[in-house]
C-alpha atoms as a PDB file:
ATOM      1  CA  MET A   1     -14.346 -39.803 -10.382  1.00  0.00           C
ATOM      2  CA  ASP A   2     -11.633 -37.871 -12.162  1.00  0.00           C
ATOM      3  CA  ILE A   3      -9.716 -35.169 -10.331  1.00  0.00           C
ATOM      4  CA  VAL A   4     -10.367 -31.835 -12.021  1.00  0.00           C
ATOM      5  CA  ARG A   5      -8.966 -29.215  -9.608  1.00  0.00           C
ATOM      6  CA  ALA A   6      -5.624 -28.473  -8.055  1.00  0.00           C
ATOM      7  CA  ILE A   7      -4.706 -26.300  -5.103  1.00  0.00           C
ATOM      8  CA  SER A   8      -1.374 -24.491  -4.944  1.00  0.00           C
ATOM      9  CA  ILE A   9       0.476 -24.817  -1.636  1.00  0.00           C
ATOM     10  CA  ARG A  10       4.068 -24.035  -0.746  1.00  0.00           C
ATOM     11  CA  GLN A  11       6.628 -26.507   0.496  1.00  0.00           C
ATOM     12  CA  PRO A  12       7.135 -27.634   3.269  1.00  0.00           C
ATOM     13  CA  TRP A  13       3.371 -27.484   3.895  1.00  0.00           C
ATOM     14  CA  VAL A  14       2.804 -29.859   0.967  1.00  0.00           C
ATOM     15  CA  GLU A  15       5.142 -32.426   2.498  1.00  0.00           C
ATOM     16  CA  LEU A  16       3.429 -32.093   5.885  1.00  0.00           C
ATOM     17  CA  ILE A  17       0.055 -32.722   4.215  1.00  0.00           C
ATOM     18  CA  LEU A  18       1.363 -35.764   2.347  1.00  0.00           C
ATOM     19  CA  ARG A  19       2.786 -37.163   5.596  1.00  0.00           C
ATOM     20  CA  GLY A  20      -0.602 -36.676   7.292  1.00  0.00           C
ATOM     21  CA  LYS A  21       0.787 -34.189   9.823  1.00  0.00           C
ATOM     22  CA  LYS A  22      -1.036 -31.135   8.428  1.00  0.00           C
ATOM     23  CA  THR A  23      -4.788 -31.748   8.276  1.00  0.00           C
ATOM     24  CA  LYS A  24      -5.985 -28.183   7.690  1.00  0.00           C
ATOM     25  CA  GLU A  25      -5.090 -25.650   5.030  1.00  0.00           C
ATOM     26  CA  TYR A  26      -5.768 -22.066   6.081  1.00  0.00           C
ATOM     27  CA  ARG A  27      -7.118 -19.629   3.513  1.00  0.00           C
ATOM     28  CA  SER A  28      -8.851 -16.255   3.458  1.00  0.00           C
ATOM     29  CA  ARG A  29     -11.672 -17.559   1.248  1.00  0.00           C
ATOM     30  CA  LEU A  30     -14.509 -19.936   1.992  1.00  0.00           C
ATOM     31  CA  THR A  31     -14.758 -22.967  -0.291  1.00  0.00           C
ATOM     32  CA  LYS A  32     -17.677 -25.232  -1.046  1.00  0.00           C
ATOM     33  CA  ILE A  33     -15.379 -27.763  -2.745  1.00  0.00           C
ATOM     34  CA  ARG A  34     -15.720 -31.220  -1.182  1.00  0.00           C
ATOM     35  CA  GLU A  35     -13.712 -33.582  -3.355  1.00  0.00           C
ATOM     36  CA  ARG A  36     -10.252 -34.989  -4.022  1.00  0.00           C
ATOM     37  CA  VAL A  37      -7.937 -32.367  -5.499  1.00  0.00           C
ATOM     38  CA  TYR A  38      -4.386 -32.363  -6.786  1.00  0.00           C
ATOM     39  CA  ILE A  39      -1.730 -30.743  -4.597  1.00  0.00           C
ATOM     40  CA  TYR A  40       0.569 -28.457  -6.574  1.00  0.00           C
ATOM     41  CA  ALA A  41       3.863 -27.611  -4.840  1.00  0.00           C
ATOM     42  CA  SER A  42       4.354 -23.931  -5.660  1.00  0.00           C
ATOM     43  CA  LEU A  43       7.608 -22.797  -7.235  1.00  0.00           C
ATOM     44  CA  THR A  44       8.536 -20.633  -4.236  1.00  0.00           C
ATOM     45  CA  PRO A  45       8.996 -22.507  -0.951  1.00  0.00           C
ATOM     46  CA  ALA A  46       7.826 -20.973   2.324  1.00  0.00           C
ATOM     47  CA  ASP A  47      10.319 -19.252   4.594  1.00  0.00           C
ATOM     48  CA  TRP A  48       9.191 -20.920   7.813  1.00  0.00           C
ATOM     49  CA  PRO A  49      12.124 -22.615   9.593  1.00  0.00           C
ATOM     50  CA  PRO A  50      10.000 -24.481  12.211  1.00  0.00           C
ATOM     51  CA  ALA A  51       8.116 -26.355   9.473  1.00  0.00           C
ATOM     52  CA  TRP A  52      11.351 -27.233   7.666  1.00  0.00           C
ATOM     53  CA  ARG A  53      12.842 -28.540  10.917  1.00  0.00           C
ATOM     54  CA  GLN A  54       9.705 -30.604  11.542  1.00  0.00           C
ATOM     55  CA  ILE A  55      10.264 -32.584   8.338  1.00  0.00           C
ATOM     56  CA  GLY A  56      14.058 -32.600   8.549  1.00  0.00           C
ATOM     57  CA  LYS A  57      14.561 -30.937   5.181  1.00  0.00           C
ATOM     58  CA  GLN A  58      15.654 -27.593   3.761  1.00  0.00           C
ATOM     59  CA  ALA A  59      14.312 -25.496   0.921  1.00  0.00           C
ATOM     60  CA  GLY A  60      15.496 -27.021  -2.357  1.00  0.00           C
ATOM     61  CA  GLU A  61      15.304 -30.607  -1.117  1.00  0.00           C
ATOM     62  CA  LEU A  62      11.626 -31.096  -2.002  1.00  0.00           C
ATOM     63  CA  PRO A  63       9.939 -30.863  -5.401  1.00  0.00           C
ATOM     64  CA  THR A  64       8.433 -27.541  -6.445  1.00  0.00           C
ATOM     65  CA  GLY A  65       6.618 -26.429  -9.588  1.00  0.00           C
ATOM     66  CA  ALA A  66       4.779 -29.747  -9.903  1.00  0.00           C
ATOM     67  CA  ILE A  67       1.715 -31.672  -8.806  1.00  0.00           C
ATOM     68  CA  VAL A  68       3.028 -34.145  -6.250  1.00  0.00           C
ATOM     69  CA  GLY A  69      -0.065 -35.642  -4.644  1.00  0.00           C
ATOM     70  CA  THR A  70      -3.776 -35.533  -3.953  1.00  0.00           C
ATOM     71  CA  VAL A  71      -5.935 -34.922  -0.900  1.00  0.00           C
ATOM     72  CA  GLU A  72      -9.636 -34.883  -0.073  1.00  0.00           C
ATOM     73  CA  ILE A  73     -11.207 -31.633   1.096  1.00  0.00           C
ATOM     74  CA  VAL A  74     -13.998 -32.765   3.421  1.00  0.00           C
ATOM     75  CA  ASP A  75     -15.031 -29.531   5.131  1.00  0.00           C
ATOM     76  CA  CYS A  76     -14.394 -25.815   5.458  1.00  0.00           C
ATOM     77  CA  GLN A  77     -14.707 -24.108   8.842  1.00  0.00           C
ATOM     78  CA  TRP A  78     -14.059 -20.635  10.166  1.00  0.00           C
ATOM     79  CA  ASP A  79     -11.102 -20.740  12.577  1.00  0.00           C
ATOM     80  CA  ASP A  80     -11.340 -18.000  15.210  1.00  0.00           C
ATOM     81  CA  ARG A  81      -7.759 -18.512  16.381  1.00  0.00           C
ATOM     82  CA  GLU A  82      -6.256 -18.155  12.899  1.00  0.00           C
ATOM     83  CA  GLU A  83      -8.945 -15.668  11.776  1.00  0.00           C
ATOM     84  CA  CYS A  84      -9.428 -17.400   8.447  1.00  0.00           C
ATOM     85  CA  TYR A  85     -11.027 -20.484   6.912  1.00  0.00           C
ATOM     86  CA  ALA A  86      -9.634 -23.943   7.537  1.00  0.00           C
ATOM     87  CA  TYR A  87     -10.030 -26.446   4.708  1.00  0.00           C
ATOM     88  CA  VAL A  88     -10.214 -29.831   6.445  1.00  0.00           C
ATOM     89  CA  LEU A  89      -8.011 -32.376   4.636  1.00  0.00           C
ATOM     90  CA  ARG A  90      -8.178 -36.170   4.700  1.00  0.00           C
ATOM     91  CA  ASN A  91      -6.567 -39.157   2.987  1.00  0.00           C
ATOM     92  CA  PRO A  92      -3.495 -37.606   1.344  1.00  0.00           C
ATOM     93  CA  GLU A  93      -1.824 -39.647  -1.389  1.00  0.00           C
ATOM     94  CA  ARG A  94       1.613 -39.037  -2.854  1.00  0.00           C
ATOM     95  CA  LEU A  95       1.982 -39.514  -6.618  1.00  0.00           C
ATOM     96  CA  SER A  96       4.654 -41.988  -7.710  1.00  0.00           C
ATOM     97  CA  CYS A  97       6.074 -39.331 -10.043  1.00  0.00           C
ATOM     98  CA  PRO A  98       5.288 -35.600 -10.274  1.00  0.00           C
ATOM     99  CA  LEU A  99       2.922 -34.227 -12.909  1.00  0.00           C
ATOM    100  CA  TYR A 100       3.777 -31.055 -14.794  1.00  0.00           C
ATOM    101  CA  PRO A 101       0.710 -29.199 -16.083  1.00  0.00           C
ATOM    102  CA  ARG A 102       0.863 -27.292 -19.369  1.00  0.00           C
ATOM    103  CA  ASN A 103      -1.111 -24.328 -18.043  1.00  0.00           C
ATOM    104  CA  GLN A 104      -0.090 -21.685 -15.506  1.00  0.00           C
ATOM    105  CA  PRO A 105      -0.891 -22.549 -11.861  1.00  0.00           C
ATOM    106  CA  GLN A 106      -2.956 -20.062  -9.854  1.00  0.00           C
ATOM    107  CA  PRO A 107      -2.569 -19.066  -6.185  1.00  0.00           C
ATOM    108  CA  GLY A 108      -5.737 -20.923  -5.088  1.00  0.00           C
ATOM    109  CA  PHE A 109      -7.770 -23.556  -6.904  1.00  0.00           C
ATOM    110  CA  TRP A 110      -7.252 -24.050 -10.635  1.00  0.00           C
ATOM    111  CA  ARG A 111      -7.842 -26.675 -13.318  1.00  0.00           C
ATOM    112  CA  PRO A 112      -4.616 -28.257 -14.534  1.00  0.00           C
ATOM    113  CA  GLN A 113      -4.227 -29.294 -18.156  1.00  0.00           C
ATOM    114  CA  PHE A 114      -1.951 -32.186 -19.062  1.00  0.00           C
END
């Protein structure tokens, strides 16, 4: 099955997903998507020092503005503690080299064109 969707996520969250340390992506919207999707590392990294310390990197040391991996979305659950939806992620895979889509990435899910 070909991958047709991408999700935009900021670094260092992308790196934590690819390392298997982040298994949920929190969003305000419910999703019915249950498939492997590309992970697009947004151009602007997150300003969250604890996450950067966790991976031992700083902003600018990880790729941004590119698709850097894939992950399966296997479920979506309401999270009372976070007060939003948690997309349950499994089986992350890092790409051997980043992909640069021709079209403009969107904040949530989008369909990259190569």
